[in-house]
């Protein structure tokens, strides 16, 4: 677990760098839950990046080249890119994900919201990305938190019913919020 403030410092540095290079991006992962719940620690920071005409990893590598506190490292075994923020000890690793893989294809006003001056996925996109994610226990906890606290902000059209129904069977704590969302949209 890392201190949330340190992850926010890393996210701010990366966001400024990507914004300066005109690269659309949004953060998600447990960091969003930590920010919303004012938790002192969290265990995950992910950044979704649009590719444009070039692969998103290449765009990010080009943006951080020569940066005094950010470096990019490819992980060929997992086909991932990690950006490391070196101004804190221990350094913070941010996993970079291509848009459309674990989040929306387009990062715009309908899929991204600003929280504490940083771009994050909206609650709907966050839940959708977490449902599609690796299926770790902390992903389930993050989904249950988001559904329970922010169910009124979730757009049912962004989440597959069958995926959410399976999730609710496995994690009954989400059932009431999911029922409220379905009821709000007139879905049964």
N, C-alpha and C. Protein backbone atom coordinates (compact mmCIF):
# COMPACT_ATOMS: atom_id res chain seq x y z
N UNK A 1 0.84 -1.19 0.00
CA UNK A 1 0.00 0.00 0.00
C UNK A 1 0.88 1.25 0.00
N UNK A 2 0.44 2.24 -0.75
CA UNK A 2 1.15 3.51 -0.80
C UNK A 2 0.26 4.61 -0.24
N UNK A 3 0.90 5.67 0.19
CA UNK A 3 0.14 6.81 0.66
C UNK A 3 -0.57 7.46 -0.52
N UNK A 4 -1.82 7.76 -0.35
CA UNK A 4 -2.62 8.35 -1.42
C UNK A 4 -2.01 9.67 -1.89
N UNK A 5 -1.52 10.48 -0.98
CA UNK A 5 -0.95 11.78 -1.39
C UNK A 5 0.26 11.60 -2.30
N UNK A 6 1.05 10.55 -2.07
CA UNK A 6 2.21 10.28 -2.93
C UNK A 6 1.76 9.84 -4.32
N UNK A 7 0.71 9.03 -4.37
CA UNK A 7 0.17 8.61 -5.67
C UNK A 7 -0.42 9.80 -6.42
N UNK A 8 -1.06 10.69 -5.69
CA UNK A 8 -1.60 11.90 -6.33
C UNK A 8 -0.48 12.80 -6.85
N UNK A 9 0.62 12.85 -6.15
CA UNK A 9 1.78 13.62 -6.61
C UNK A 9 2.31 13.03 -7.92
N UNK A 10 2.41 11.70 -7.98
CA UNK A 10 2.87 11.03 -9.20
C UNK A 10 1.87 11.25 -10.34
N UNK A 11 0.59 11.14 -10.03
CA UNK A 11 -0.45 11.35 -11.04
C UNK A 11 -0.41 12.77 -11.58
N UNK A 12 -0.18 13.73 -10.71
CA UNK A 12 -0.11 15.13 -11.14
C UNK A 12 1.07 15.35 -12.09
N UNK A 13 2.22 14.80 -11.74
CA UNK A 13 3.40 14.96 -12.61
C UNK A 13 3.16 14.31 -13.97
N UNK A 14 2.61 13.10 -13.96
CA UNK A 14 2.34 12.40 -15.22
C UNK A 14 1.27 13.14 -16.03
N UNK A 15 0.23 13.60 -15.37
CA UNK A 15 -0.85 14.31 -16.07
C UNK A 15 -0.34 15.58 -16.73
N UNK A 16 0.48 16.35 -16.01
CA UNK A 16 1.04 17.58 -16.60
C UNK A 16 1.87 17.25 -17.84
N UNK A 17 2.65 16.18 -17.75
CA UNK A 17 3.51 15.78 -18.88
C UNK A 17 2.68 15.34 -20.07
N UNK A 18 1.65 14.52 -19.83
CA UNK A 18 0.80 14.04 -20.92
C UNK A 18 -0.03 15.18 -21.52
N UNK A 19 -0.51 16.07 -20.68
CA UNK A 19 -1.28 17.22 -21.16
C UNK A 19 -0.41 18.12 -22.03
N UNK A 20 0.82 18.34 -21.61
CA UNK A 20 1.74 19.17 -22.40
C UNK A 20 2.01 18.57 -23.77
N UNK A 21 1.92 17.23 -23.86
CA UNK A 21 2.12 16.54 -25.14
C UNK A 21 0.79 16.30 -25.88
N UNK A 22 -0.29 16.91 -25.39
CA UNK A 22 -1.63 16.77 -25.99
C UNK A 22 -2.09 15.32 -26.10
N UNK A 23 -1.84 14.56 -25.04
CA UNK A 23 -2.24 13.15 -25.00
C UNK A 23 -3.43 13.01 -24.06
N UNK A 24 -4.62 12.67 -24.61
CA UNK A 24 -5.78 12.45 -23.75
C UNK A 24 -5.52 11.26 -22.82
N UNK A 25 -5.87 11.44 -21.54
CA UNK A 25 -5.63 10.40 -20.55
C UNK A 25 -6.61 10.55 -19.40
N UNK A 26 -6.74 9.47 -18.62
CA UNK A 26 -7.56 9.50 -17.42
C UNK A 26 -7.05 8.43 -16.45
N UNK A 27 -7.08 8.76 -15.18
CA UNK A 27 -6.63 7.82 -14.16
C UNK A 27 -7.80 7.00 -13.67
N UNK A 28 -7.47 5.81 -13.22
CA UNK A 28 -8.45 5.00 -12.52
C UNK A 28 -7.71 4.00 -11.66
N UNK A 29 -8.41 3.03 -11.12
CA UNK A 29 -7.80 2.12 -10.16
C UNK A 29 -8.25 2.51 -8.77
N UNK A 30 -7.65 1.89 -7.79
CA UNK A 30 -8.02 2.14 -6.40
C UNK A 30 -7.76 3.58 -5.98
N UNK A 31 -6.93 4.28 -6.73
CA UNK A 31 -6.68 5.69 -6.42
C UNK A 31 -7.98 6.48 -6.44
N UNK A 32 -8.87 6.21 -7.39
CA UNK A 32 -10.13 6.93 -7.45
C UNK A 32 -10.94 6.72 -6.18
N UNK A 33 -11.03 5.50 -5.72
CA UNK A 33 -11.76 5.20 -4.48
C UNK A 33 -11.10 5.90 -3.30
N UNK A 34 -9.78 5.88 -3.25
CA UNK A 34 -9.07 6.53 -2.15
C UNK A 34 -9.34 8.04 -2.12
N UNK A 35 -9.38 8.66 -3.30
CA UNK A 35 -9.66 10.09 -3.38
C UNK A 35 -11.10 10.38 -2.96
N UNK A 36 -12.04 9.60 -3.46
CA UNK A 36 -13.45 9.84 -3.14
C UNK A 36 -13.77 9.59 -1.67
N UNK A 37 -13.09 8.59 -1.07
CA UNK A 37 -13.36 8.23 0.32
C UNK A 37 -12.39 8.86 1.31
N UNK A 38 -11.46 9.69 0.81
CA UNK A 38 -10.42 10.28 1.65
C UNK A 38 -9.63 9.23 2.43
N UNK A 39 -9.26 8.15 1.75
CA UNK A 39 -8.47 7.11 2.39
C UNK A 39 -7.00 7.50 2.37
N UNK A 40 -6.28 7.21 3.43
CA UNK A 40 -4.86 7.61 3.48
C UNK A 40 -3.95 6.74 2.61
N UNK A 41 -4.39 5.52 2.29
CA UNK A 41 -3.56 4.63 1.48
C UNK A 41 -4.40 3.97 0.38
N UNK A 42 -3.70 3.52 -0.66
CA UNK A 42 -4.35 2.74 -1.72
C UNK A 42 -3.28 1.89 -2.40
N UNK A 43 -3.72 0.97 -3.25
CA UNK A 43 -2.76 0.02 -3.81
C UNK A 43 -2.67 0.00 -5.33
N UNK A 44 -3.32 0.93 -6.01
CA UNK A 44 -3.33 0.82 -7.46
C UNK A 44 -3.54 2.19 -8.11
N UNK A 45 -2.71 2.46 -9.11
CA UNK A 45 -2.90 3.65 -9.94
C UNK A 45 -2.69 3.22 -11.39
N UNK A 46 -3.70 3.43 -12.18
CA UNK A 46 -3.68 3.10 -13.60
C UNK A 46 -3.96 4.36 -14.39
N UNK A 47 -3.41 4.44 -15.60
CA UNK A 47 -3.66 5.58 -16.45
C UNK A 47 -4.02 5.07 -17.85
N UNK A 48 -5.20 5.41 -18.30
CA UNK A 48 -5.65 5.04 -19.64
C UNK A 48 -5.26 6.17 -20.58
N UNK A 49 -4.69 5.80 -21.72
CA UNK A 49 -4.15 6.79 -22.66
C UNK A 49 -4.68 6.49 -24.06
N UNK A 50 -5.13 7.54 -24.75
CA UNK A 50 -5.54 7.39 -26.15
C UNK A 50 -4.32 7.36 -27.04
N UNK A 51 -4.45 6.61 -28.12
CA UNK A 51 -3.32 6.47 -29.03
C UNK A 51 -3.26 7.49 -30.14
N UNK A 52 -4.39 7.86 -30.71
CA UNK A 52 -4.36 8.73 -31.88
C UNK A 52 -3.82 7.96 -33.06
N UNK A 53 -2.92 8.56 -33.84
CA UNK A 53 -2.32 7.90 -35.00
C UNK A 53 -1.14 7.01 -34.62
N UNK A 54 -0.72 7.06 -33.38
CA UNK A 54 0.43 6.30 -32.89
C UNK A 54 -0.01 5.46 -31.70
N UNK A 55 0.66 4.33 -31.47
CA UNK A 55 0.33 3.50 -30.31
C UNK A 55 0.48 4.32 -29.03
N UNK A 56 -0.46 4.16 -28.09
CA UNK A 56 -0.40 4.97 -26.86
C UNK A 56 0.91 4.81 -26.09
N UNK A 57 1.49 3.61 -26.08
CA UNK A 57 2.75 3.42 -25.35
C UNK A 57 3.85 4.29 -25.95
N UNK A 58 3.89 4.37 -27.26
CA UNK A 58 4.92 5.18 -27.92
C UNK A 58 4.73 6.65 -27.57
N UNK A 59 3.48 7.10 -27.58
CA UNK A 59 3.19 8.50 -27.24
C UNK A 59 3.66 8.82 -25.82
N UNK A 60 3.37 7.91 -24.89
CA UNK A 60 3.76 8.13 -23.49
C UNK A 60 5.28 8.12 -23.36
N UNK A 61 5.94 7.14 -23.98
CA UNK A 61 7.41 7.08 -23.92
C UNK A 61 8.03 8.38 -24.46
N UNK A 62 7.50 8.87 -25.57
CA UNK A 62 8.02 10.12 -26.14
C UNK A 62 7.79 11.30 -25.19
N UNK A 63 6.63 11.32 -24.55
CA UNK A 63 6.31 12.44 -23.65
C UNK A 63 7.20 12.48 -22.41
N UNK A 64 7.56 11.31 -21.87
CA UNK A 64 8.35 11.30 -20.64
C UNK A 64 9.86 11.28 -20.90
N UNK A 65 10.28 11.10 -22.15
CA UNK A 65 11.71 11.09 -22.47
C UNK A 65 12.34 12.40 -22.03
N UNK A 66 13.39 12.28 -21.24
CA UNK A 66 14.10 13.46 -20.77
C UNK A 66 13.49 14.12 -19.55
N UNK A 67 12.36 13.60 -19.06
CA UNK A 67 11.73 14.19 -17.87
C UNK A 67 12.59 13.90 -16.65
N UNK A 68 12.71 14.87 -15.78
CA UNK A 68 13.60 14.72 -14.63
C UNK A 68 13.11 13.73 -13.58
N UNK A 69 11.80 13.48 -13.50
CA UNK A 69 11.32 12.59 -12.44
C UNK A 69 10.45 11.44 -12.94
N UNK A 70 10.27 11.32 -14.26
CA UNK A 70 9.46 10.23 -14.81
C UNK A 70 10.29 9.42 -15.81
N UNK A 71 10.18 8.10 -15.73
CA UNK A 71 10.79 7.22 -16.72
C UNK A 71 9.76 6.18 -17.14
N UNK A 72 9.90 5.68 -18.36
CA UNK A 72 8.99 4.67 -18.89
C UNK A 72 9.75 3.36 -19.08
N UNK A 73 9.09 2.26 -18.71
CA UNK A 73 9.68 0.94 -18.85
C UNK A 73 8.66 0.00 -19.48
N UNK A 74 9.06 -0.63 -20.59
CA UNK A 74 8.21 -1.64 -21.22
C UNK A 74 8.29 -2.94 -20.44
N UNK A 75 7.18 -3.64 -20.39
CA UNK A 75 7.15 -4.97 -19.80
C UNK A 75 6.73 -5.92 -20.92
N UNK A 76 7.69 -6.46 -21.67
CA UNK A 76 7.36 -7.25 -22.85
C UNK A 76 6.59 -8.52 -22.55
N UNK A 77 6.77 -9.09 -21.37
CA UNK A 77 6.06 -10.33 -21.04
C UNK A 77 4.57 -10.11 -20.89
N UNK A 78 4.19 -8.94 -20.43
CA UNK A 78 2.78 -8.66 -20.21
C UNK A 78 2.22 -7.64 -21.19
N UNK A 79 3.06 -7.15 -22.12
CA UNK A 79 2.64 -6.14 -23.08
C UNK A 79 2.07 -4.91 -22.35
N UNK A 80 2.82 -4.45 -21.38
CA UNK A 80 2.41 -3.29 -20.59
C UNK A 80 3.53 -2.26 -20.57
N UNK A 81 3.15 -1.04 -20.28
CA UNK A 81 4.10 0.04 -20.08
C UNK A 81 3.89 0.57 -18.67
N UNK A 82 4.99 0.81 -17.98
CA UNK A 82 4.93 1.39 -16.64
C UNK A 82 5.73 2.67 -16.64
N UNK A 83 5.14 3.70 -16.06
CA UNK A 83 5.86 4.96 -15.86
C UNK A 83 6.18 5.04 -14.38
N UNK A 84 7.43 5.33 -14.08
CA UNK A 84 7.87 5.41 -12.69
C UNK A 84 8.15 6.86 -12.34
N UNK A 85 7.61 7.28 -11.20
CA UNK A 85 7.82 8.62 -10.66
C UNK A 85 8.89 8.51 -9.58
N UNK A 86 10.00 9.22 -9.75
CA UNK A 86 11.17 9.05 -8.90
C UNK A 86 11.36 10.11 -7.82
N UNK A 87 10.47 11.05 -7.69
CA UNK A 87 10.68 12.12 -6.70
C UNK A 87 10.37 11.67 -5.28
N UNK A 88 9.77 10.50 -5.12
CA UNK A 88 9.44 9.99 -3.79
C UNK A 88 10.15 8.65 -3.58
N UNK A 89 10.31 8.27 -2.32
CA UNK A 89 10.93 6.98 -2.00
C UNK A 89 9.94 6.17 -1.19
N UNK A 90 9.64 4.98 -1.60
CA UNK A 90 10.04 4.33 -2.84
C UNK A 90 9.31 4.96 -4.04
N UNK A 91 9.87 4.78 -5.23
CA UNK A 91 9.24 5.34 -6.43
C UNK A 91 7.84 4.77 -6.65
N UNK A 92 7.01 5.54 -7.35
CA UNK A 92 5.64 5.13 -7.65
C UNK A 92 5.57 4.65 -9.10
N UNK A 93 4.99 3.46 -9.29
CA UNK A 93 4.79 2.92 -10.64
C UNK A 93 3.34 3.13 -11.06
N UNK A 94 3.17 3.67 -12.25
CA UNK A 94 1.84 3.87 -12.83
C UNK A 94 1.74 2.96 -14.05
N UNK A 95 0.75 2.08 -14.05
CA UNK A 95 0.55 1.21 -15.21
C UNK A 95 -0.22 1.97 -16.28
N UNK A 96 0.28 1.96 -17.49
CA UNK A 96 -0.35 2.64 -18.61
C UNK A 96 -1.15 1.61 -19.40
N UNK A 97 -2.41 1.93 -19.69
CA UNK A 97 -3.29 1.04 -20.45
C UNK A 97 -3.79 1.76 -21.69
N UNK A 98 -3.82 1.08 -22.83
CA UNK A 98 -4.38 1.71 -24.03
C UNK A 98 -5.88 1.90 -23.89
N UNK A 99 -6.38 3.05 -24.31
CA UNK A 99 -7.82 3.30 -24.30
C UNK A 99 -8.52 2.21 -25.11
N UNK A 100 -9.65 1.74 -24.60
CA UNK A 100 -10.41 0.70 -25.27
C UNK A 100 -10.10 -0.69 -24.75
N UNK A 101 -8.98 -0.84 -24.06
CA UNK A 101 -8.62 -2.15 -23.54
C UNK A 101 -9.31 -2.43 -22.21
N UNK A 102 -9.16 -1.54 -21.25
CA UNK A 102 -9.82 -1.69 -19.95
C UNK A 102 -10.64 -0.45 -19.60
N UNK A 103 -10.93 0.33 -20.58
CA UNK A 103 -11.71 1.54 -20.37
C UNK A 103 -12.28 1.99 -21.68
N UNK A 104 -12.83 3.18 -21.72
CA UNK A 104 -13.45 3.67 -22.95
C UNK A 104 -12.42 3.90 -24.06
N UNK A 105 -12.89 3.83 -25.30
CA UNK A 105 -12.01 4.08 -26.44
C UNK A 105 -11.66 5.55 -26.58
N UNK A 106 -12.62 6.39 -26.27
CA UNK A 106 -12.44 7.84 -26.35
C UNK A 106 -12.48 8.42 -24.95
N UNK A 107 -11.54 9.29 -24.68
CA UNK A 107 -11.49 9.98 -23.40
C UNK A 107 -11.94 11.41 -23.63
N UNK A 108 -13.19 11.67 -23.28
CA UNK A 108 -13.78 13.00 -23.51
C UNK A 108 -14.68 13.35 -22.33
N UNK A 109 -15.46 14.38 -22.48
CA UNK A 109 -16.32 14.85 -21.40
C UNK A 109 -17.37 13.86 -20.94
N UNK A 110 -17.70 12.88 -21.76
CA UNK A 110 -18.70 11.89 -21.35
C UNK A 110 -18.08 10.70 -20.62
N UNK A 111 -16.75 10.56 -20.67
CA UNK A 111 -16.10 9.42 -20.03
C UNK A 111 -15.07 9.82 -18.97
N UNK A 112 -14.76 11.11 -18.90
CA UNK A 112 -13.74 11.59 -17.97
C UNK A 112 -14.32 12.72 -17.13
N UNK A 113 -13.96 12.74 -15.86
CA UNK A 113 -14.34 13.82 -14.96
C UNK A 113 -13.09 14.32 -14.24
N UNK A 114 -13.12 15.54 -13.78
CA UNK A 114 -11.96 16.10 -13.08
C UNK A 114 -12.21 16.07 -11.58
N UNK A 115 -11.28 15.47 -10.87
CA UNK A 115 -11.35 15.41 -9.41
C UNK A 115 -9.98 15.85 -8.89
N UNK A 116 -9.98 16.85 -8.01
CA UNK A 116 -8.74 17.41 -7.47
C UNK A 116 -7.77 17.83 -8.58
N UNK A 117 -8.34 18.33 -9.65
CA UNK A 117 -7.54 18.84 -10.75
C UNK A 117 -6.95 17.78 -11.67
N UNK A 118 -7.33 16.52 -11.47
CA UNK A 118 -6.81 15.42 -12.29
C UNK A 118 -7.94 14.76 -13.06
N UNK A 119 -7.65 14.29 -14.28
CA UNK A 119 -8.68 13.57 -15.04
C UNK A 119 -8.82 12.12 -14.55
N UNK A 120 -10.02 11.76 -14.16
CA UNK A 120 -10.34 10.39 -13.75
C UNK A 120 -11.49 9.89 -14.63
N UNK A 121 -11.60 8.57 -14.76
CA UNK A 121 -12.78 8.02 -15.42
C UNK A 121 -14.01 8.39 -14.61
N UNK A 122 -15.14 8.58 -15.30
CA UNK A 122 -16.39 8.80 -14.58
C UNK A 122 -16.72 7.54 -13.77
N UNK A 123 -17.63 7.66 -12.86
CA UNK A 123 -18.02 6.50 -12.03
C UNK A 123 -18.51 5.36 -12.92
N UNK A 124 -19.32 5.66 -13.93
CA UNK A 124 -19.82 4.61 -14.84
C UNK A 124 -18.67 3.90 -15.53
N UNK A 125 -17.73 4.66 -16.06
CA UNK A 125 -16.59 4.07 -16.77
C UNK A 125 -15.66 3.33 -15.81
N UNK A 126 -15.54 3.84 -14.60
CA UNK A 126 -14.73 3.18 -13.58
C UNK A 126 -15.30 1.80 -13.27
N UNK A 127 -16.61 1.73 -13.02
CA UNK A 127 -17.25 0.44 -12.73
C UNK A 127 -17.12 -0.49 -13.93
N UNK A 128 -17.35 0.04 -15.10
CA UNK A 128 -17.24 -0.77 -16.33
C UNK A 128 -15.83 -1.33 -16.49
N UNK A 129 -14.82 -0.50 -16.28
CA UNK A 129 -13.43 -0.93 -16.41
C UNK A 129 -13.08 -1.97 -15.34
N UNK A 130 -13.55 -1.76 -14.13
CA UNK A 130 -13.27 -2.71 -13.05
C UNK A 130 -13.96 -4.05 -13.30
N UNK A 131 -15.16 -4.02 -13.86
CA UNK A 131 -15.88 -5.27 -14.17
C UNK A 131 -15.08 -6.05 -15.21
N UNK A 132 -14.50 -5.35 -16.19
CA UNK A 132 -13.74 -6.00 -17.26
C UNK A 132 -12.31 -6.36 -16.84
N UNK A 133 -11.89 -5.88 -15.67
CA UNK A 133 -10.49 -6.03 -15.25
C UNK A 133 -10.15 -7.47 -14.86
N UNK A 134 -9.05 -7.60 -14.22
CA UNK A 134 -8.46 -8.89 -13.89
C UNK A 134 -9.25 -9.72 -12.89
N UNK A 135 -10.19 -9.14 -12.19
CA UNK A 135 -10.99 -9.89 -11.24
C UNK A 135 -10.35 -10.09 -9.88
N UNK A 136 -9.50 -9.17 -9.48
CA UNK A 136 -8.88 -9.26 -8.17
C UNK A 136 -9.87 -8.83 -7.09
N UNK A 137 -9.62 -9.27 -5.88
CA UNK A 137 -10.53 -8.95 -4.77
C UNK A 137 -10.68 -7.45 -4.57
N UNK A 138 -9.58 -6.70 -4.70
CA UNK A 138 -9.69 -5.25 -4.50
C UNK A 138 -10.52 -4.61 -5.61
N UNK A 139 -10.56 -5.21 -6.81
CA UNK A 139 -11.45 -4.70 -7.87
C UNK A 139 -12.90 -4.81 -7.42
N UNK A 140 -13.25 -5.94 -6.83
CA UNK A 140 -14.62 -6.15 -6.34
C UNK A 140 -14.96 -5.15 -5.24
N UNK A 141 -14.03 -4.92 -4.34
CA UNK A 141 -14.26 -3.96 -3.26
C UNK A 141 -14.46 -2.56 -3.82
N UNK A 142 -13.68 -2.20 -4.85
CA UNK A 142 -13.82 -0.89 -5.48
C UNK A 142 -15.19 -0.75 -6.14
N UNK A 143 -15.64 -1.80 -6.80
CA UNK A 143 -16.96 -1.77 -7.47
C UNK A 143 -18.07 -1.63 -6.44
N UNK A 144 -18.01 -2.41 -5.38
CA UNK A 144 -19.04 -2.34 -4.33
C UNK A 144 -19.07 -0.94 -3.73
N UNK A 145 -17.91 -0.34 -3.48
CA UNK A 145 -17.86 1.02 -2.95
C UNK A 145 -18.53 2.00 -3.92
N UNK A 146 -18.13 1.95 -5.19
CA UNK A 146 -18.67 2.90 -6.18
C UNK A 146 -20.17 2.73 -6.35
N UNK A 147 -20.63 1.50 -6.41
CA UNK A 147 -22.08 1.26 -6.54
C UNK A 147 -22.83 1.76 -5.32
N UNK A 148 -22.30 1.46 -4.14
CA UNK A 148 -22.99 1.83 -2.91
C UNK A 148 -23.07 3.32 -2.67
N UNK A 149 -22.01 4.03 -3.00
CA UNK A 149 -21.97 5.47 -2.73
C UNK A 149 -22.46 6.33 -3.89
N UNK A 150 -22.25 5.87 -5.11
CA UNK A 150 -22.49 6.72 -6.28
C UNK A 150 -23.42 6.08 -7.30
N UNK A 151 -24.32 5.21 -6.87
CA UNK A 151 -25.20 4.51 -7.79
C UNK A 151 -26.00 5.47 -8.65
N UNK A 152 -26.35 6.63 -8.12
CA UNK A 152 -27.17 7.60 -8.86
C UNK A 152 -26.41 8.24 -10.03
N UNK A 153 -25.08 8.09 -10.06
CA UNK A 153 -24.27 8.65 -11.14
C UNK A 153 -23.97 7.64 -12.24
N UNK A 154 -24.39 6.41 -12.06
CA UNK A 154 -24.03 5.35 -12.99
C UNK A 154 -25.02 5.29 -14.15
N UNK A 155 -24.47 5.30 -15.35
CA UNK A 155 -25.25 5.17 -16.58
C UNK A 155 -25.33 3.68 -16.92
N UNK A 156 -26.52 3.13 -16.79
CA UNK A 156 -26.71 1.69 -17.01
C UNK A 156 -26.36 1.28 -18.45
N UNK A 157 -26.41 2.22 -19.35
CA UNK A 157 -26.10 1.92 -20.75
C UNK A 157 -24.61 1.65 -20.98
N UNK A 158 -23.77 1.98 -20.01
CA UNK A 158 -22.32 1.78 -20.14
C UNK A 158 -21.85 0.46 -19.53
N UNK A 159 -22.76 -0.27 -18.88
CA UNK A 159 -22.38 -1.51 -18.20
C UNK A 159 -23.26 -2.64 -18.71
N UNK A 160 -22.64 -3.75 -19.09
CA UNK A 160 -23.41 -4.90 -19.57
C UNK A 160 -24.18 -5.54 -18.42
N UNK A 161 -25.50 -5.70 -18.63
CA UNK A 161 -26.35 -6.29 -17.59
C UNK A 161 -25.85 -7.65 -17.14
N UNK A 162 -25.49 -8.51 -18.10
CA UNK A 162 -25.09 -9.86 -17.72
C UNK A 162 -23.80 -9.86 -16.90
N UNK A 163 -22.88 -8.95 -17.20
CA UNK A 163 -21.65 -8.86 -16.39
C UNK A 163 -21.98 -8.42 -14.97
N UNK A 164 -22.84 -7.43 -14.85
CA UNK A 164 -23.19 -6.92 -13.53
C UNK A 164 -24.02 -7.95 -12.76
N UNK A 165 -24.91 -8.65 -13.44
CA UNK A 165 -25.70 -9.69 -12.77
C UNK A 165 -24.80 -10.79 -12.21
N UNK A 166 -23.78 -11.19 -12.97
CA UNK A 166 -22.81 -12.18 -12.48
C UNK A 166 -22.05 -11.64 -11.28
N UNK A 167 -21.68 -10.38 -11.36
CA UNK A 167 -20.95 -9.76 -10.25
C UNK A 167 -21.79 -9.75 -8.98
N UNK A 168 -23.06 -9.39 -9.11
CA UNK A 168 -23.95 -9.32 -7.95
C UNK A 168 -24.16 -10.70 -7.34
N UNK A 169 -24.20 -11.73 -8.16
CA UNK A 169 -24.32 -13.09 -7.62
C UNK A 169 -23.11 -13.44 -6.77
N UNK A 170 -21.95 -13.01 -7.20
CA UNK A 170 -20.72 -13.32 -6.47
C UNK A 170 -20.51 -12.39 -5.28
N UNK A 171 -20.98 -11.15 -5.40
CA UNK A 171 -20.82 -10.15 -4.34
C UNK A 171 -22.18 -9.53 -4.01
N UNK A 172 -22.94 -10.19 -3.16
CA UNK A 172 -24.30 -9.73 -2.83
C UNK A 172 -24.37 -8.32 -2.23
N UNK A 173 -23.26 -7.80 -1.71
CA UNK A 173 -23.26 -6.45 -1.14
C UNK A 173 -23.60 -5.40 -2.20
N UNK A 174 -23.45 -5.75 -3.47
CA UNK A 174 -23.74 -4.81 -4.56
C UNK A 174 -25.18 -4.91 -5.05
N UNK A 175 -25.92 -5.89 -4.56
CA UNK A 175 -27.26 -6.17 -5.09
C UNK A 175 -28.23 -5.00 -4.94
N UNK A 176 -28.26 -4.39 -3.79
CA UNK A 176 -29.22 -3.31 -3.55
C UNK A 176 -28.95 -2.12 -4.48
N UNK A 177 -27.70 -1.73 -4.62
CA UNK A 177 -27.36 -0.61 -5.49
C UNK A 177 -27.67 -0.95 -6.95
N UNK A 178 -27.34 -2.16 -7.38
CA UNK A 178 -27.61 -2.57 -8.76
C UNK A 178 -29.11 -2.58 -9.02
N UNK A 179 -29.90 -3.04 -8.06
CA UNK A 179 -31.36 -3.03 -8.20
C UNK A 179 -31.87 -1.59 -8.30
N UNK A 180 -31.30 -0.68 -7.53
CA UNK A 180 -31.72 0.73 -7.58
C UNK A 180 -31.39 1.34 -8.94
N UNK A 181 -30.23 1.00 -9.49
CA UNK A 181 -29.84 1.51 -10.81
C UNK A 181 -30.80 0.98 -11.86
N UNK A 182 -31.08 -0.32 -11.83
CA UNK A 182 -32.00 -0.91 -12.81
C UNK A 182 -33.40 -0.31 -12.68
N UNK A 183 -33.82 -0.09 -11.45
CA UNK A 183 -35.14 0.50 -11.21
C UNK A 183 -35.20 1.93 -11.75
N UNK A 184 -34.14 2.67 -11.56
CA UNK A 184 -34.08 4.06 -12.05
C UNK A 184 -34.24 4.12 -13.57
N UNK A 185 -33.70 3.14 -14.25
CA UNK A 185 -33.78 3.09 -15.72
C UNK A 185 -34.96 2.28 -16.22
N UNK A 186 -35.76 1.75 -15.31
CA UNK A 186 -36.92 0.95 -15.73
C UNK A 186 -36.56 -0.42 -16.25
N UNK A 187 -35.36 -0.90 -15.93
CA UNK A 187 -34.94 -2.23 -16.34
C UNK A 187 -35.27 -3.22 -15.23
N UNK A 188 -35.58 -4.41 -15.61
CA UNK A 188 -35.92 -5.43 -14.60
C UNK A 188 -35.00 -6.59 -14.68
